[in-house]
Protein backbone atom coordinates (compact mmCIF):
# COMPACT_ATOMS: atom_id res chain seq x y z
CA MET A 1 -18.61 -1.79 23.43
CA GLU A 2 -16.87 -4.05 20.91
CA ILE A 3 -14.14 -2.25 18.96
CA LYS A 4 -12.36 -5.30 17.56
CA ASN A 5 -11.97 -5.10 13.76
CA CYS A 6 -13.06 -1.46 13.82
CA PRO A 7 -11.36 0.87 11.33
CA CYS A 8 -10.24 2.88 14.37
CA GLU A 9 -7.66 0.15 14.99
CA GLY A 10 -5.92 1.23 11.79
CA ASN A 11 -4.71 -2.29 11.00
CA TYR A 12 -5.26 -2.03 7.28
CA LEU A 13 -5.07 1.12 5.24
CA ASP A 14 -6.40 -0.21 1.94
CA LYS A 15 -5.94 3.06 0.04
CA MET A 16 -2.23 2.90 0.81
CA VAL A 17 -1.71 -0.38 -1.05
CA GLN A 18 -1.09 1.34 -4.40
CA PRO A 19 1.67 3.70 -3.23
CA ALA A 20 3.18 0.88 -1.18
CA ILE A 21 3.31 -1.39 -4.25
CA LEU A 22 4.73 1.40 -6.42
CA THR A 23 7.40 2.11 -3.79
CA ILE A 24 8.38 -1.56 -3.67
CA LEU A 25 8.52 -1.83 -7.47
CA ALA A 26 10.54 1.40 -7.74
CA GLU A 27 13.29 -0.50 -5.92
CA THR A 28 13.18 -3.73 -7.93
CA ASN A 29 11.05 -5.87 -10.23
CA LEU A 30 9.27 -8.63 -8.34
CA HIS A 31 6.75 -11.39 -8.82
CA GLY A 32 3.35 -11.04 -7.17
CA TYR A 33 3.88 -13.25 -4.15
CA LYS A 34 7.15 -11.49 -3.30
CA ILE A 35 5.25 -8.17 -3.44
CA VAL A 36 2.77 -9.62 -0.92
CA GLN A 37 5.68 -10.61 1.33
CA LYS A 38 7.31 -7.19 1.04
CA LEU A 39 4.01 -5.47 1.86
CA ALA A 40 3.76 -7.58 5.02
CA GLU A 41 7.11 -6.11 6.09
CA THR A 42 5.86 -2.52 5.81
CA PRO A 43 4.61 -0.60 8.86
CA MET A 44 1.23 -0.37 7.15
CA PHE A 45 0.59 -4.08 7.75
CA GLY A 46 2.48 -4.43 11.01
CA GLY A 47 3.88 -7.85 10.13
CA TYR A 48 0.53 -9.24 8.99
CA LYS A 49 0.28 -10.67 5.51
CA PRO A 50 -2.06 -8.69 3.26
CA ASP A 51 -4.80 -10.48 1.37
CA PRO A 52 -2.97 -11.86 -1.70
CA ALA A 53 -6.13 -11.71 -3.84
CA GLY A 54 -6.50 -8.02 -3.03
CA VAL A 55 -2.87 -7.34 -3.91
CA TYR A 56 -3.25 -9.16 -7.24
CA ARG A 57 -6.44 -7.18 -7.96
CA SER A 58 -4.52 -3.98 -7.26
CA LEU A 59 -1.70 -5.08 -9.55
CA LYS A 60 -4.17 -5.89 -12.32
CA THR A 61 -5.85 -2.50 -11.96
CA MET A 62 -2.50 -0.75 -11.89
CA GLU A 63 -1.45 -2.62 -15.02
CA LYS A 64 -4.63 -1.57 -16.83
CA ARG A 65 -3.86 2.03 -15.88
CA GLY A 66 -0.30 1.70 -17.22
CA LEU A 67 1.40 2.14 -13.84
CA VAL A 68 3.04 -1.28 -13.93
CA VAL A 69 3.71 -3.88 -16.58
CA SER A 70 4.10 -7.58 -16.16
CA SER A 71 5.80 -10.38 -18.01
CA TRP A 72 6.05 -14.11 -17.48
CA ASP A 73 9.35 -15.56 -16.37
CA ILE A 74 9.56 -19.19 -17.40
CA SER A 75 13.35 -19.47 -17.32
CA ARG A 76 13.59 -20.40 -13.65
CA THR A 77 12.98 -23.78 -12.16
CA GLY A 78 9.49 -24.31 -10.85
CA PRO A 79 6.29 -22.80 -12.13
CA ALA A 80 6.20 -19.71 -14.32
CA LYS A 81 5.94 -16.45 -12.39
CA ARG A 82 4.52 -13.12 -13.45
CA PHE A 83 7.02 -10.38 -12.72
CA TYR A 84 5.94 -6.77 -12.31
CA ARG A 85 7.87 -3.58 -12.92
CA ILE A 86 6.98 0.05 -12.50
CA THR A 87 6.54 2.19 -15.63
CA GLU A 88 7.37 5.86 -16.14
CA ALA A 89 3.68 6.62 -15.57
CA GLY A 90 3.91 4.61 -12.35
CA LYS A 91 6.90 6.67 -11.22
CA GLU A 92 4.97 9.87 -11.96
CA CYS A 93 2.01 8.47 -10.02
CA LEU A 94 4.30 7.66 -7.08
CA CYS A 95 5.57 11.25 -7.10
CA ARG A 96 1.97 12.49 -6.99
CA TRP A 97 1.32 10.04 -4.14
CA ILE A 98 4.19 11.61 -2.21
CA ASP A 99 2.49 15.01 -2.47
CA THR A 100 -0.86 13.48 -1.53
CA LEU A 101 0.60 11.62 1.45
CA GLU A 102 2.30 14.79 2.67
CA GLU A 103 -1.08 16.54 2.55
CA TYR A 104 -2.71 13.60 4.36
CA ARG A 105 -0.05 13.88 7.04
CA ARG A 106 -0.77 17.60 7.46
CA ILE A 107 -4.52 17.03 7.65
CA ILE A 108 -4.14 14.09 10.04
CA GLY A 109 -1.98 16.28 12.27
CA LEU A 110 -4.74 18.88 12.41
CA LEU A 111 -7.38 16.23 13.10
CA LEU A 112 -5.23 14.68 15.79
CA SER A 113 -4.73 18.04 17.50
CA GLU A 114 -8.47 18.72 17.48
CA ALA A 115 -9.35 15.20 18.65
CA LYS A 116 -6.88 15.44 21.54
CA LYS A 117 -8.26 18.82 22.52
CA VAL A 118 -11.87 17.66 22.67
CA THR A 119 -11.11 14.38 24.43
CA VAL A 120 -9.07 16.19 27.07
CA GLU A 121 -11.98 18.60 27.60
CA ASP A 122 -14.39 15.65 27.93
CA ARG A 123 -12.19 13.95 30.52
CA THR A 124 -11.96 16.95 32.83
């Protein structure tokens, strides 16, 4: 049975991109590519670089929802860069994410306990 690239590997938790971005931006304002780099450093990606196009799509969606705002920085040498910062609504959203993630952790713990119990029974 081929399991490679199966969601069971847990290599990419796409729903976690938004709270991860909000957490990064709560620390400091960054341009998009630096956000991609920071995401790659999180345990969620395990050192792998996330799809930059997907991150930029998430940022655009988050900006439309008022969770982040962006502005162009043309004062530095090199090409202009779009910098992102978290808004008050984004901070409120991150706080709600914390509650949601705590609930996910509780539910995952229950699922894990049940899964271990039934796999142990199957192996005996």
